[in-house]
């Protein structure tokens, strides 16, 4: 599976003095490789000092999206990681779509959810229009 991802051109590795660094579509990544699957995390450009509201919104957005079923967030040290699971039975089209979706979700988490929420906006819940 790892070989397929590298051959696709999306995933690249570089080894320098025994240290391997990964990039997924030119974004810093981490890789967990098993016999039947690969899990790839991309580093999100998000401060660890974000609000609890961001984390709530991010986890709810991941849970609510069919496209994010194989994704998860992790805080590792001072990095937010967006993990995605890739199974060996995926065809090349599904593999490419998964990578594109992981990158799109990362952009959404970094850009859309970091906008401040207008706390003065009235709730639409319970309103009649």
N, C-alpha and C. Protein backbone atom coordinates (compact mmCIF):
# COMPACT_ATOMS: atom_id res chain seq x y z
N UNK A 1 0.82 -1.20 0.00
CA UNK A 1 0.00 0.00 0.00
C UNK A 1 0.87 1.26 0.00
N UNK A 2 1.90 1.23 0.79
CA UNK A 2 2.80 2.38 0.86
C UNK A 2 3.42 2.65 -0.51
N UNK A 3 3.81 1.60 -1.20
CA UNK A 3 4.41 1.74 -2.53
C UNK A 3 3.42 2.38 -3.49
N UNK A 4 2.15 1.96 -3.42
CA UNK A 4 1.13 2.56 -4.29
C UNK A 4 0.99 4.06 -4.04
N UNK A 5 1.03 4.46 -2.79
CA UNK A 5 0.91 5.88 -2.47
C UNK A 5 2.11 6.67 -2.98
N UNK A 6 3.28 6.09 -2.86
CA UNK A 6 4.49 6.77 -3.35
C UNK A 6 4.45 6.86 -4.87
N UNK A 7 4.06 5.76 -5.53
CA UNK A 7 3.99 5.75 -6.99
C UNK A 7 2.92 6.68 -7.53
N UNK A 8 1.90 6.97 -6.73
CA UNK A 8 0.85 7.90 -7.16
C UNK A 8 1.37 9.33 -7.28
N UNK A 9 2.49 9.60 -6.61
CA UNK A 9 3.06 10.94 -6.63
C UNK A 9 2.58 11.82 -5.49
N UNK A 10 1.58 11.37 -4.75
CA UNK A 10 1.07 12.16 -3.63
C UNK A 10 2.00 12.09 -2.42
N UNK A 11 2.52 10.90 -2.14
CA UNK A 11 3.34 10.68 -0.95
C UNK A 11 4.80 10.60 -1.33
N UNK A 12 5.63 11.29 -0.56
CA UNK A 12 7.08 11.26 -0.81
C UNK A 12 7.81 11.12 0.50
N UNK A 13 8.95 10.46 0.46
CA UNK A 13 9.78 10.36 1.66
C UNK A 13 11.19 10.78 1.33
N UNK A 14 11.87 11.23 2.36
CA UNK A 14 13.25 11.63 2.23
C UNK A 14 13.98 11.14 3.46
N UNK A 15 15.08 10.44 3.24
CA UNK A 15 15.89 9.94 4.36
C UNK A 15 17.20 10.70 4.41
N UNK A 16 17.47 11.25 5.57
CA UNK A 16 18.71 11.96 5.81
C UNK A 16 19.30 11.44 7.10
N UNK A 17 20.46 10.81 7.01
CA UNK A 17 21.17 10.27 8.17
C UNK A 17 20.27 9.39 9.04
N UNK A 18 19.49 8.53 8.41
CA UNK A 18 18.65 7.59 9.13
C UNK A 18 17.30 8.13 9.57
N UNK A 19 17.05 9.40 9.37
CA UNK A 19 15.76 10.01 9.71
C UNK A 19 14.92 10.13 8.45
N UNK A 20 13.74 9.55 8.49
CA UNK A 20 12.83 9.63 7.35
C UNK A 20 11.79 10.69 7.61
N UNK A 21 11.62 11.57 6.63
CA UNK A 21 10.56 12.57 6.69
C UNK A 21 9.61 12.32 5.53
N UNK A 22 8.34 12.51 5.79
CA UNK A 22 7.29 12.25 4.81
C UNK A 22 6.59 13.54 4.44
N UNK A 23 6.11 13.60 3.21
CA UNK A 23 5.23 14.68 2.78
C UNK A 23 4.08 14.07 1.98
N UNK A 24 2.90 14.59 2.20
CA UNK A 24 1.72 14.21 1.43
C UNK A 24 1.28 15.46 0.71
N UNK A 25 1.40 15.43 -0.62
CA UNK A 25 1.06 16.60 -1.44
C UNK A 25 1.76 17.85 -0.90
N UNK A 26 3.03 17.70 -0.62
CA UNK A 26 3.90 18.78 -0.14
C UNK A 26 3.58 19.30 1.26
N UNK A 27 2.80 18.54 2.01
CA UNK A 27 2.54 18.87 3.41
C UNK A 27 3.26 17.87 4.29
N UNK A 28 3.81 18.35 5.38
CA UNK A 28 4.51 17.48 6.34
C UNK A 28 3.55 16.41 6.83
N UNK A 29 4.05 15.17 6.85
CA UNK A 29 3.18 14.05 7.19
C UNK A 29 3.89 13.04 8.09
N UNK A 30 3.09 12.19 8.72
CA UNK A 30 3.57 11.03 9.47
C UNK A 30 2.88 9.81 8.87
N UNK A 31 3.55 8.66 8.92
CA UNK A 31 3.03 7.46 8.28
C UNK A 31 3.12 6.28 9.24
N UNK A 32 2.04 5.50 9.31
CA UNK A 32 2.04 4.22 10.00
C UNK A 32 1.69 3.18 8.95
N UNK A 33 2.61 2.29 8.67
CA UNK A 33 2.44 1.28 7.63
C UNK A 33 2.26 -0.09 8.27
N UNK A 34 1.20 -0.81 7.84
CA UNK A 34 0.98 -2.18 8.28
C UNK A 34 0.91 -3.06 7.03
N UNK A 35 0.70 -4.35 7.23
CA UNK A 35 0.64 -5.27 6.09
C UNK A 35 -0.53 -4.96 5.16
N UNK A 36 -1.65 -4.51 5.69
CA UNK A 36 -2.85 -4.35 4.88
C UNK A 36 -3.36 -2.92 4.75
N UNK A 37 -2.67 -1.98 5.35
CA UNK A 37 -3.15 -0.60 5.29
C UNK A 37 -2.03 0.38 5.61
N UNK A 38 -2.36 1.65 5.39
CA UNK A 38 -1.47 2.75 5.75
C UNK A 38 -2.33 3.82 6.39
N UNK A 39 -1.84 4.40 7.46
CA UNK A 39 -2.48 5.57 8.05
C UNK A 39 -1.52 6.73 7.89
N UNK A 40 -2.05 7.83 7.39
CA UNK A 40 -1.21 9.00 7.14
C UNK A 40 -1.80 10.19 7.88
N UNK A 41 -0.94 10.90 8.58
CA UNK A 41 -1.34 12.13 9.26
C UNK A 41 -0.67 13.30 8.57
N UNK A 42 -1.43 14.36 8.36
CA UNK A 42 -0.81 15.59 7.89
C UNK A 42 -0.86 16.60 9.04
N UNK A 43 0.19 17.37 9.11
CA UNK A 43 0.31 18.37 10.17
C UNK A 43 -0.56 19.56 9.79
N UNK A 44 -1.45 19.94 10.70
CA UNK A 44 -2.32 21.08 10.48
C UNK A 44 -1.65 22.36 10.94
N UNK A 45 -1.88 23.42 10.20
CA UNK A 45 -1.33 24.73 10.55
C UNK A 45 -2.28 25.41 11.53
N UNK A 46 -2.31 24.86 12.74
CA UNK A 46 -3.20 25.35 13.79
C UNK A 46 -2.41 25.42 15.09
N UNK A 47 -2.59 26.49 15.80
CA UNK A 47 -1.93 26.65 17.08
C UNK A 47 -2.52 25.69 18.10
N UNK A 48 -1.71 25.25 19.04
CA UNK A 48 -2.21 24.40 20.11
C UNK A 48 -3.00 25.21 21.14
N UNK A 49 -2.97 26.53 20.99
CA UNK A 49 -3.69 27.40 21.93
C UNK A 49 -5.06 27.79 21.39
N UNK A 50 -5.65 26.96 20.56
CA UNK A 50 -6.97 27.24 20.02
C UNK A 50 -8.02 27.05 21.10
N UNK A 51 -9.21 27.52 20.82
CA UNK A 51 -10.27 27.43 21.83
C UNK A 51 -10.90 26.05 21.83
N UNK A 52 -11.56 25.76 22.93
CA UNK A 52 -12.29 24.51 23.03
C UNK A 52 -13.43 24.48 22.02
N UNK A 53 -13.95 25.65 21.65
CA UNK A 53 -15.01 25.71 20.62
C UNK A 53 -14.51 25.16 19.29
N UNK A 54 -13.25 25.48 18.93
CA UNK A 54 -12.70 24.96 17.68
C UNK A 54 -12.67 23.44 17.71
N UNK A 55 -12.20 22.88 18.80
CA UNK A 55 -12.10 21.43 18.90
C UNK A 55 -13.48 20.79 18.83
N UNK A 56 -14.46 21.38 19.49
CA UNK A 56 -15.83 20.87 19.43
C UNK A 56 -16.35 20.91 18.00
N UNK A 57 -16.18 22.05 17.33
CA UNK A 57 -16.65 22.19 15.96
C UNK A 57 -15.92 21.22 15.02
N UNK A 58 -14.62 21.06 15.21
CA UNK A 58 -13.83 20.19 14.35
C UNK A 58 -14.26 18.73 14.49
N UNK A 59 -14.43 18.27 15.73
CA UNK A 59 -14.80 16.87 15.93
C UNK A 59 -16.23 16.62 15.44
N UNK A 60 -17.12 17.57 15.63
CA UNK A 60 -18.48 17.42 15.12
C UNK A 60 -18.50 17.42 13.59
N UNK A 61 -17.69 18.27 12.97
CA UNK A 61 -17.62 18.30 11.50
C UNK A 61 -17.10 16.98 10.97
N UNK A 62 -16.10 16.40 11.61
CA UNK A 62 -15.57 15.10 11.17
C UNK A 62 -16.62 14.01 11.35
N UNK A 63 -17.32 14.03 12.46
CA UNK A 63 -18.32 13.00 12.73
C UNK A 63 -19.51 13.11 11.78
N UNK A 64 -19.84 14.32 11.35
CA UNK A 64 -21.02 14.53 10.51
C UNK A 64 -20.78 14.29 9.03
N UNK A 65 -19.54 14.17 8.62
CA UNK A 65 -19.22 14.04 7.20
C UNK A 65 -18.94 12.60 6.81
N UNK A 66 -19.65 12.11 5.81
CA UNK A 66 -19.37 10.77 5.29
C UNK A 66 -17.95 10.69 4.72
N UNK A 67 -17.43 11.82 4.24
CA UNK A 67 -16.09 11.85 3.64
C UNK A 67 -14.98 11.77 4.69
N UNK A 68 -15.34 11.94 5.95
CA UNK A 68 -14.34 11.95 7.02
C UNK A 68 -14.42 10.72 7.91
N UNK A 69 -15.11 9.69 7.46
CA UNK A 69 -15.28 8.50 8.30
C UNK A 69 -13.96 7.84 8.65
N UNK A 70 -12.98 7.93 7.79
CA UNK A 70 -11.67 7.31 8.04
C UNK A 70 -10.66 8.30 8.61
N UNK A 71 -11.14 9.44 9.12
CA UNK A 71 -10.25 10.49 9.62
C UNK A 71 -10.36 10.64 11.13
N UNK A 72 -9.31 11.18 11.72
CA UNK A 72 -9.30 11.47 13.14
C UNK A 72 -8.30 12.56 13.45
N UNK A 73 -8.56 13.30 14.52
CA UNK A 73 -7.64 14.35 14.99
C UNK A 73 -6.80 13.83 16.14
N UNK A 74 -5.57 14.28 16.18
CA UNK A 74 -4.68 13.96 17.30
C UNK A 74 -3.84 15.19 17.63
N UNK A 75 -3.70 15.46 18.92
CA UNK A 75 -2.76 16.47 19.38
C UNK A 75 -1.54 15.72 19.86
N UNK A 76 -0.42 15.94 19.18
CA UNK A 76 0.84 15.28 19.54
C UNK A 76 1.87 16.36 19.82
N UNK A 77 2.17 16.53 21.10
CA UNK A 77 3.10 17.60 21.47
C UNK A 77 2.47 18.94 21.15
N UNK A 78 3.10 19.70 20.26
CA UNK A 78 2.55 21.00 19.87
C UNK A 78 2.00 20.97 18.44
N UNK A 79 1.67 19.77 17.94
CA UNK A 79 1.15 19.63 16.58
C UNK A 79 -0.25 19.03 16.58
N UNK A 80 -1.13 19.60 15.77
CA UNK A 80 -2.41 18.97 15.47
C UNK A 80 -2.24 18.15 14.22
N UNK A 81 -2.67 16.90 14.27
CA UNK A 81 -2.54 15.98 13.14
C UNK A 81 -3.92 15.55 12.67
N UNK A 82 -4.10 15.49 11.37
CA UNK A 82 -5.30 14.93 10.77
C UNK A 82 -4.92 13.60 10.15
N UNK A 83 -5.34 12.52 10.79
CA UNK A 83 -5.04 11.15 10.33
C UNK A 83 -6.12 10.69 9.36
N UNK A 84 -5.72 9.84 8.42
CA UNK A 84 -6.67 9.16 7.54
C UNK A 84 -6.15 7.74 7.29
N UNK A 85 -7.08 6.81 7.29
CA UNK A 85 -6.80 5.39 7.09
C UNK A 85 -7.01 5.04 5.62
N UNK A 86 -6.03 4.37 5.04
CA UNK A 86 -6.10 3.92 3.65
C UNK A 86 -5.94 2.40 3.63
N UNK A 87 -6.95 1.71 3.13
CA UNK A 87 -6.98 0.25 3.09
C UNK A 87 -6.42 -0.25 1.75
N UNK A 88 -5.75 -1.38 1.78
CA UNK A 88 -5.14 -1.92 0.56
C UNK A 88 -6.16 -2.31 -0.51
N UNK A 89 -7.41 -2.54 -0.13
CA UNK A 89 -8.41 -2.95 -1.12
C UNK A 89 -8.97 -1.77 -1.92
N UNK A 90 -8.61 -0.55 -1.56
CA UNK A 90 -9.07 0.62 -2.31
C UNK A 90 -8.43 0.62 -3.70
N UNK A 91 -9.25 0.92 -4.72
CA UNK A 91 -8.67 1.05 -6.06
C UNK A 91 -7.98 2.41 -6.16
N UNK A 92 -7.29 2.64 -7.27
CA UNK A 92 -6.51 3.87 -7.42
C UNK A 92 -7.39 5.12 -7.37
N UNK A 93 -8.59 5.03 -7.92
CA UNK A 93 -9.50 6.18 -7.90
C UNK A 93 -9.92 6.52 -6.46
N UNK A 94 -10.29 5.51 -5.70
CA UNK A 94 -10.69 5.74 -4.30
C UNK A 94 -9.51 6.25 -3.48
N UNK A 95 -8.33 5.76 -3.77
CA UNK A 95 -7.13 6.22 -3.08
C UNK A 95 -6.88 7.70 -3.35
N UNK A 96 -6.95 8.09 -4.61
CA UNK A 96 -6.75 9.50 -4.98
C UNK A 96 -7.82 10.39 -4.35
N UNK A 97 -9.07 9.92 -4.39
CA UNK A 97 -10.16 10.70 -3.79
C UNK A 97 -9.97 10.85 -2.29
N UNK A 98 -9.48 9.81 -1.63
CA UNK A 98 -9.22 9.89 -0.20
C UNK A 98 -8.17 10.92 0.14
N UNK A 99 -7.11 10.96 -0.65
CA UNK A 99 -6.04 11.94 -0.42
C UNK A 99 -6.55 13.35 -0.64
N UNK A 100 -7.27 13.55 -1.74
CA UNK A 100 -7.82 14.87 -2.04
C UNK A 100 -8.78 15.30 -0.93
N UNK A 101 -9.59 14.37 -0.44
CA UNK A 101 -10.54 14.70 0.63
C UNK A 101 -9.80 15.02 1.93
N UNK A 102 -8.74 14.28 2.25
CA UNK A 102 -7.98 14.57 3.46
C UNK A 102 -7.39 15.98 3.39
N UNK A 103 -6.87 16.35 2.25
CA UNK A 103 -6.31 17.69 2.08
C UNK A 103 -7.40 18.76 2.18
N UNK A 104 -8.58 18.48 1.61
CA UNK A 104 -9.68 19.44 1.69
C UNK A 104 -10.17 19.60 3.12
N UNK A 105 -10.26 18.51 3.84
CA UNK A 105 -10.68 18.57 5.25
C UNK A 105 -9.67 19.37 6.06
N UNK A 106 -8.39 19.15 5.80
CA UNK A 106 -7.34 19.91 6.50
C UNK A 106 -7.50 21.40 6.25
N UNK A 107 -7.72 21.79 5.00
CA UNK A 107 -7.92 23.21 4.68
C UNK A 107 -9.15 23.76 5.40
N UNK A 108 -10.22 22.98 5.42
CA UNK A 108 -11.44 23.41 6.11
C UNK A 108 -11.16 23.63 7.59
N UNK A 109 -10.48 22.68 8.24
CA UNK A 109 -10.19 22.82 9.67
C UNK A 109 -9.29 24.01 9.94
N UNK A 110 -8.35 24.26 9.05
CA UNK A 110 -7.40 25.36 9.24
C UNK A 110 -8.01 26.72 8.96
N UNK A 111 -8.85 26.81 7.95
CA UNK A 111 -9.34 28.12 7.51
C UNK A 111 -10.76 28.43 7.99
N UNK A 112 -11.69 27.55 7.71
CA UNK A 112 -13.10 27.84 7.99
C UNK A 112 -13.42 27.85 9.48
N UNK A 113 -12.85 26.92 10.22
CA UNK A 113 -13.20 26.82 11.64
C UNK A 113 -12.43 27.82 12.50
N UNK A 114 -11.41 28.45 11.96
CA UNK A 114 -10.65 29.41 12.76
C UNK A 114 -11.26 30.80 12.74
N UNK A 115 -12.31 30.99 11.95
CA UNK A 115 -12.99 32.29 11.93
C UNK A 115 -13.77 32.45 13.24
N UNK A 116 -13.74 33.63 13.81
CA UNK A 116 -14.48 33.82 15.07
C UNK A 116 -15.98 33.67 14.85
N UNK A 117 -16.63 33.08 15.82
CA UNK A 117 -18.07 32.91 15.77
C UNK A 117 -18.71 34.15 16.39
N UNK A 118 -19.72 34.68 15.74
CA UNK A 118 -20.43 35.85 16.24
C UNK A 118 -21.31 35.42 17.40
N UNK A 119 -20.87 35.68 18.61
CA UNK A 119 -21.61 35.24 19.79
C UNK A 119 -22.89 36.05 20.01
N UNK A 120 -23.03 37.18 19.32
CA UNK A 120 -24.23 37.99 19.47
C UNK A 120 -25.34 37.56 18.52
N UNK A 121 -24.99 36.69 17.57
CA UNK A 121 -25.99 36.23 16.61
C UNK A 121 -27.02 35.37 17.32
N UNK A 122 -28.25 35.67 17.08
CA UNK A 122 -29.34 34.91 17.70
C UNK A 122 -29.41 33.52 17.10
N UNK A 123 -29.77 32.56 17.90
CA UNK A 123 -29.92 31.19 17.44
C UNK A 123 -31.16 31.07 16.56
N UNK A 124 -31.06 30.26 15.52
CA UNK A 124 -32.20 29.99 14.65
C UNK A 124 -33.05 28.85 15.18
N UNK A 125 -32.54 28.14 16.17
CA UNK A 125 -33.26 27.01 16.72
C UNK A 125 -34.51 27.52 17.43
N UNK A 126 -35.64 26.95 17.10
CA UNK A 126 -36.89 27.33 17.74
C UNK A 126 -37.57 28.52 17.12
N UNK A 127 -36.98 29.15 16.12
CA UNK A 127 -37.59 30.29 15.47
C UNK A 127 -38.54 29.83 14.38
N UNK A 128 -39.57 30.59 14.18
CA UNK A 128 -40.45 30.36 13.03
C UNK A 128 -40.15 31.42 11.99
N UNK A 129 -40.13 31.00 10.77
CA UNK A 129 -39.80 31.95 9.68
C UNK A 129 -40.99 32.14 8.81
